Every structure is written in C-alpha cells, then in structure tokens.
Protein backbone atom coordinates (compact mmCIF):
# COMPACT_ATOMS: atom_id res chain seq x y z
CA MET A 1 28.90 -87.53 6.22
CA GLY A 2 31.44 -86.57 3.64
CA ASP A 3 29.31 -88.11 0.72
CA THR A 4 26.34 -86.03 1.90
CA ARG A 5 28.27 -82.89 1.95
CA ALA A 6 29.57 -83.56 -1.44
CA SER A 7 26.00 -84.42 -2.79
CA VAL A 8 24.72 -81.06 -1.46
CA LEU A 9 27.76 -79.00 -2.72
CA THR A 10 27.68 -80.55 -6.16
CA PRO A 11 24.64 -78.63 -7.53
CA VAL A 12 25.91 -75.47 -5.99
CA THR A 13 29.34 -75.89 -7.74
CA GLY A 14 27.77 -76.86 -10.89
CA ALA A 15 25.55 -73.73 -10.82
CA LEU A 16 28.36 -71.41 -10.01
CA THR A 17 30.56 -73.00 -12.74
CA GLN A 18 27.83 -72.60 -15.19
CA ALA A 19 27.32 -68.90 -14.20
CA GLY A 20 30.88 -68.24 -14.70
CA ASN A 21 31.00 -69.75 -18.13
CA ILE A 22 27.89 -67.67 -19.17
CA VAL A 23 29.71 -64.54 -18.02
CA GLU A 24 32.85 -65.58 -19.86
CA LEU A 25 30.83 -66.09 -22.98
CA PHE A 26 29.36 -62.59 -22.63
CA VAL A 27 32.72 -61.13 -22.38
CA ASP A 28 33.82 -63.15 -25.55
CA VAL A 29 30.62 -61.75 -27.31
CA VAL A 30 31.46 -58.19 -26.36
CA ARG A 31 35.00 -58.48 -27.43
CA ASN A 32 34.09 -60.16 -30.83
CA THR A 33 31.39 -57.73 -31.63
CA PHE A 34 34.06 -55.15 -32.45
CA ARG A 35 36.23 -57.52 -34.42
CA ARG A 36 36.08 -57.57 -38.15
CA PRO A 37 34.68 -58.79 -40.48
CA PHE A 38 31.13 -58.32 -38.99
CA GLN A 39 28.72 -61.04 -40.07
CA PHE A 40 26.22 -58.40 -41.24
CA ARG A 41 24.24 -60.88 -43.51
CA GLU A 42 23.87 -63.26 -40.60
CA PHE A 43 22.75 -60.53 -38.36
CA VAL A 44 20.03 -59.35 -40.84
CA GLU A 45 18.72 -62.89 -41.25
CA GLN A 46 18.60 -63.60 -37.71
CA ALA A 47 16.94 -60.28 -36.83
CA TRP A 48 14.23 -60.96 -39.46
CA PHE A 49 13.73 -64.57 -38.23
CA ILE A 50 13.44 -63.42 -34.60
CA ALA A 51 11.08 -60.57 -35.59
CA SER A 52 8.91 -62.89 -37.61
CA VAL A 53 8.44 -65.49 -34.69
CA THR A 54 7.85 -62.91 -31.97
CA ILE A 55 6.12 -59.83 -33.46
CA LEU A 56 2.65 -61.38 -33.65
CA PRO A 57 2.55 -63.05 -30.32
CA THR A 58 4.01 -59.98 -28.73
CA ALA A 59 1.20 -57.88 -30.09
CA MET A 60 -1.40 -60.35 -29.06
CA VAL A 61 -0.12 -60.47 -25.53
CA ALA A 62 0.32 -56.78 -25.23
CA ILE A 63 -3.47 -56.14 -25.71
CA PRO A 64 -4.81 -58.23 -22.82
CA PHE A 65 -1.88 -57.10 -20.69
CA GLY A 66 -2.51 -53.43 -21.06
CA ALA A 67 -6.26 -54.18 -20.42
CA VAL A 68 -5.44 -56.20 -17.20
CA VAL A 69 -3.13 -53.38 -15.95
CA SER A 70 -5.71 -50.75 -16.78
CA LEU A 71 -8.61 -52.52 -15.37
CA GLN A 72 -6.86 -53.52 -12.08
CA THR A 73 -5.31 -50.05 -11.42
CA GLY A 74 -8.58 -48.32 -12.48
CA SER A 75 -10.59 -50.43 -10.07
CA LEU A 76 -8.12 -49.87 -7.27
CA ILE A 77 -7.65 -46.07 -7.81
CA ARG A 78 -11.44 -45.64 -7.96
CA GLN A 79 -11.69 -47.36 -4.49
CA LEU A 80 -9.07 -44.79 -3.25
CA GLY A 81 -10.96 -41.95 -4.75
CA ALA A 82 -8.19 -40.82 -7.14
CA GLU A 83 -9.68 -41.47 -10.55
CA SER A 84 -7.63 -38.63 -12.03
CA PHE A 85 -4.42 -40.51 -11.63
CA THR A 86 -5.54 -43.73 -13.36
CA GLY A 87 -3.75 -42.79 -16.62
CA ALA A 88 -0.42 -41.96 -14.97
CA ALA A 89 -0.55 -45.34 -12.86
CA SER A 90 -1.50 -47.54 -15.76
CA VAL A 91 0.66 -46.03 -18.46
CA LEU A 92 3.79 -45.76 -16.33
CA ALA A 93 3.26 -49.43 -15.10
CA VAL A 94 3.10 -50.48 -18.78
CA ILE A 95 6.12 -48.48 -19.93
CA GLN A 96 8.50 -49.13 -17.10
CA GLN A 97 7.77 -52.62 -16.07
CA GLY A 98 5.35 -54.30 -18.45
CA SER A 99 6.64 -53.82 -21.89
CA PRO A 100 10.20 -54.60 -21.25
CA LEU A 101 9.29 -57.93 -19.40
CA VAL A 102 6.65 -59.01 -21.88
CA THR A 103 8.95 -58.40 -24.75
CA ALA A 104 11.83 -60.16 -23.04
CA LEU A 105 9.82 -63.23 -22.03
CA LEU A 106 8.55 -63.70 -25.59
CA VAL A 107 11.94 -63.01 -27.18
CA ALA A 108 13.59 -65.70 -24.67
CA GLY A 109 10.72 -68.05 -25.11
CA ALA A 110 10.33 -67.97 -28.90
CA ALA A 111 13.53 -66.73 -30.22
CA GLY A 112 15.84 -67.94 -27.48
CA SER A 113 14.68 -71.51 -27.64
CA ALA A 114 15.09 -71.45 -31.55
CA VAL A 115 18.74 -70.12 -31.06
CA THR A 116 19.41 -72.87 -28.69
CA ALA A 117 17.89 -75.50 -30.86
CA ASP A 118 19.96 -74.29 -33.80
CA LEU A 119 23.32 -74.10 -32.11
CA GLY A 120 22.70 -77.25 -30.30
CA SER A 121 22.05 -79.18 -33.37
CA ARG A 122 25.10 -77.67 -35.01
CA THR A 123 27.19 -78.76 -31.91
CA ILE A 124 26.01 -82.33 -31.86
CA ARG A 125 26.64 -82.67 -35.64
CA GLU A 126 30.14 -81.33 -34.79
CA GLU A 127 29.90 -78.37 -36.95
CA ILE A 128 31.16 -76.05 -34.27
CA ASP A 129 34.34 -78.33 -33.79
CA ALA A 130 34.91 -78.15 -37.64
CA MET A 131 34.66 -74.39 -37.68
CA GLU A 132 37.22 -74.31 -34.87
CA VAL A 133 39.55 -76.65 -36.86
CA LEU A 134 39.28 -74.35 -39.98
CA GLY A 135 40.15 -71.39 -37.85
CA ILE A 136 36.78 -69.78 -37.78
CA ASN A 137 35.58 -68.28 -34.38
CA PRO A 138 32.09 -69.70 -33.80
CA VAL A 139 31.35 -66.85 -31.34
CA GLN A 140 32.15 -64.25 -33.76
CA ARG A 141 30.56 -66.05 -36.81
CA LEU A 142 27.30 -67.43 -35.08
CA VAL A 143 26.84 -66.01 -31.56
CA VAL A 144 27.49 -62.35 -32.06
CA PRO A 145 25.08 -61.86 -34.78
CA ARG A 146 22.28 -63.62 -32.91
CA VAL A 147 22.78 -61.78 -29.68
CA LEU A 148 22.75 -58.42 -31.49
CA ALA A 149 19.76 -59.45 -33.45
CA MET A 150 17.79 -60.46 -30.24
CA VAL A 151 18.75 -56.98 -28.73
CA LEU A 152 17.50 -55.04 -31.75
CA VAL A 153 14.37 -56.95 -31.98
CA ALA A 154 13.84 -56.68 -28.26
CA VAL A 155 14.16 -52.87 -28.44
CA LEU A 156 11.81 -52.50 -31.28
CA LEU A 157 9.22 -54.85 -29.88
CA ASN A 158 9.29 -52.87 -26.54
CA GLY A 159 8.19 -49.86 -28.27
CA LEU A 160 5.31 -51.95 -30.05
CA VAL A 161 4.28 -53.36 -26.63
CA ALA A 162 4.27 -50.05 -24.97
CA VAL A 163 2.10 -48.52 -27.77
CA VAL A 164 -0.32 -51.27 -27.83
CA GLY A 165 -0.60 -51.52 -24.07
CA ILE A 166 -1.13 -47.80 -23.64
CA VAL A 167 -3.81 -47.86 -26.48
CA GLY A 168 -5.43 -50.90 -25.03
CA GLY A 169 -5.40 -49.55 -21.47
CA TYR A 170 -6.97 -46.33 -22.69
CA PHE A 171 -9.69 -48.20 -24.47
CA PHE A 172 -10.58 -50.41 -21.58
CA ASN A 173 -10.48 -47.61 -18.89
CA VAL A 174 -12.40 -45.11 -20.93
CA ILE A 175 -14.73 -47.28 -22.78
CA LEU A 176 -15.42 -50.15 -20.35
CA GLN A 177 -14.98 -48.42 -17.08
CA SER A 178 -16.47 -45.14 -18.05
CA GLY A 179 -13.23 -43.26 -17.26
CA ASN A 180 -12.61 -39.48 -18.12
CA PRO A 181 -10.45 -39.41 -21.31
CA GLY A 182 -9.12 -35.93 -20.46
CA ALA A 183 -8.14 -36.93 -16.85
CA TYR A 184 -6.49 -40.14 -18.30
CA LEU A 185 -4.26 -38.11 -20.64
CA SER A 186 -3.58 -35.02 -18.42
CA SER A 187 -2.46 -37.35 -15.46
CA PHE A 188 -0.05 -39.26 -17.71
CA SER A 189 1.42 -36.04 -19.16
CA ALA A 190 1.64 -34.67 -15.59
CA PHE A 191 3.60 -37.51 -14.04
CA ALA A 192 5.44 -39.13 -17.02
CA GLN A 193 8.81 -38.11 -17.98
CA LEU A 194 11.22 -39.04 -20.84
CA PRO A 195 13.61 -41.19 -18.66
CA ASP A 196 10.44 -43.46 -18.11
CA LEU A 197 10.81 -44.33 -21.75
CA TRP A 198 14.49 -44.66 -21.82
CA ILE A 199 14.57 -47.05 -18.95
CA GLY A 200 12.04 -49.25 -20.70
CA GLU A 201 14.33 -49.38 -23.77
CA VAL A 202 17.46 -50.04 -21.61
CA LYS A 203 15.73 -52.85 -19.85
CA ALA A 204 14.63 -54.42 -23.29
CA ALA A 205 18.14 -54.13 -24.57
CA ILE A 206 19.70 -55.69 -21.43
CA PHE A 207 17.14 -58.45 -21.35
CA GLY A 208 17.97 -59.13 -25.06
CA VAL A 209 21.58 -59.59 -24.25
CA ILE A 210 20.76 -61.91 -21.31
CA ALA A 211 18.41 -64.02 -23.40
CA GLY A 212 20.85 -64.13 -26.33
CA VAL A 213 23.97 -65.05 -24.26
CA VAL A 214 22.08 -67.86 -22.13
CA ALA A 215 20.56 -69.16 -25.37
CA ALA A 216 23.79 -69.38 -27.04
CA TYR A 217 25.64 -70.88 -24.17
CA LYS A 218 23.10 -73.73 -23.73
CA GLY A 219 23.10 -74.29 -27.56
CA LEU A 220 26.92 -74.51 -27.55
CA HIS A 221 27.14 -76.89 -24.68
CA PRO A 222 24.28 -79.64 -25.00
CA LYS A 223 24.70 -82.88 -23.34
CA GLY A 224 23.48 -86.49 -24.54
CA GLY A 225 23.01 -85.93 -28.16
CA PRO A 226 19.46 -84.93 -29.58
CA LYS A 227 17.80 -85.44 -26.21
CA GLY A 228 20.41 -83.19 -24.63
CA VAL A 229 19.48 -80.43 -27.13
CA GLY A 230 15.84 -80.62 -25.96
CA GLU A 231 16.91 -80.38 -22.37
CA ALA A 232 19.19 -77.23 -23.27
CA VAL A 233 16.13 -75.55 -24.78
CA ASN A 234 14.12 -76.00 -21.62
CA GLN A 235 16.98 -74.99 -19.34
CA SER A 236 17.92 -71.85 -21.26
CA VAL A 237 14.19 -70.69 -21.15
CA VAL A 238 14.03 -71.18 -17.24
CA ILE A 239 17.48 -69.73 -16.67
CA THR A 240 16.75 -66.78 -18.79
CA PHE A 241 13.29 -66.07 -16.97
CA LEU A 242 15.04 -66.23 -13.69
CA LEU A 243 17.75 -63.88 -14.59
CA LEU A 244 15.29 -61.60 -16.30
CA PHE A 245 13.22 -61.01 -13.24
CA PHE A 246 16.29 -60.54 -11.11
CA ALA A 247 17.79 -57.95 -13.54
CA ASN A 248 14.52 -56.24 -13.67
CA LEU A 249 14.62 -55.74 -9.78
CA ILE A 250 18.13 -54.50 -9.89
CA LEU A 251 17.40 -52.04 -12.73
CA THR A 252 14.22 -50.68 -11.17
CA MET A 253 15.86 -50.09 -7.87
CA VAL A 254 18.83 -48.26 -9.50
CA TYR A 255 16.48 -46.23 -11.74
CA LEU A 256 14.19 -45.10 -8.85
CA GLN A 257 17.36 -44.03 -6.93
CA ILE A 258 18.92 -42.14 -9.77
CA VAL A 259 15.86 -40.51 -11.50
CA PRO A 260 13.64 -38.55 -9.10
CA ALA A 261 9.80 -38.76 -9.66
CA LYS A 262 8.42 -35.85 -11.54
CA GLY A 263 7.07 -33.21 -9.24
CA SER A 264 9.01 -34.43 -6.21
C-alpha cells in the first residue's frame, strides 16, 4: 500500500518541484536582466537567429489561419443572418486570440527547441560548470539575452501575423465568399478598439517569456547525456504548449473583465 501511494505521488512531487524550479529561474532572469553588464551582442545575435528561423514559417501559417477563421466565421454568421458583423468577428478573433497563439507556438517550437538544444549541449560538455567556476553567471550571460530576444521577436511577429491574418481573412471573405468589403471594414471599425491590439501584444510578450524560461530551464538541466538533450527538447516544447494555452485562458478572462466591449 505504501509503495503504491509513493509511486502515485512521485510524478506529482516531481512536477511540483520542476514548476518551482522554473519559477525560481524566472525570478533569477528578472533579477539578472537589470544587472550590468548587459550582454547586448548576445541579445542581438539571438534575436536575429530566432527571427531567421521563425519569420517565414510564421508568415506561411498566418495566411491559412486567417483564411480558416474568416471562412468559418463568415459561414456561421451568414447562417445567423448577420453578414455585416463578419469583419468584426474574424478580425477580432485573429488579433485577440489567433496571432499571439500562432506566434508563441512557432517561437516555442522553432526557437525554444533550438535554445534548449544549445544550452543542453553546453551543459553536457560542462561549459556551464566551467563558467560558474570562473565566476561567470550563466543566467546573466546566456539565459537573459535569449529570453529577451524571444520576447522581442514574439512581439514583432505578433504584429506580422495580425496583419497577414487580417489581409488574408479580408481576401477570402470578400473574394471567395462574395462578402461586402464596406460592411467588412465598417464592422471592424465599429467594434474594434485599441486595447484589443494591446492585449495581443501583451500576450505575445508573456508567451515569449514563458517559452524562453522553460526552454532555458530544460537546456540547463538535461539528464543522460546527448540522449537527455533530445528528451529535454521534446519536454520543453510540450510543457511550453501546455503553459501557453493555460496562460492564454487566464489573460483572456482578465481582459474581458477589465476592458468592456465597445458599445456596451
């Protein structure tokens, strides 16, 4: 009986311990962000690398995503007899929900896995231990620039996804579904408001922080040599995806409670 209870509690204990370690790393990253010297060159190099591996896939995903949202909402709203609200429904769905999630998933999947693999390979080669022996803080030197780079790229890519998604949704709704372009644009301007754009950017920034911290934590704590690095990459992507959807739920609920809908 005792062995059974221990076997059940062990995964839970391990998950809670890992969650605590991730939060501890996040606090350490925040503290070291304001510590000098700031590794500006590393930050620029990582931001360029992350942008180079994510910008094209993000743009390619944004086009069909905007099309799917526009086609689905257009079909549903047409059944309800409210064609004049198609623009507001599809555009607000892209700006508030779609673009931050698409951006975060691609940043976590492409850039996060690369960060985990890079830090994991450094860890198993004992480079991290050597830095600590030399008095160099690996969090300040390696983790902070990567997390901030992921935040910056996520915010910029969120704007790209929003623009591409809106343009793609307009094209598919107006051209393929014979929608009214005037009604599409007027409904968007009637119901959209500036906080809708801000919440998208805030979500993208928070998602970038989550992806960067989780990727760095898994990269700094691989188990089992090179094989453990590969497992850490997979675990970082899965954990990040779960946290992103949970964080998106919380942020959306808070936003809808704080910011009233336009016209209400």
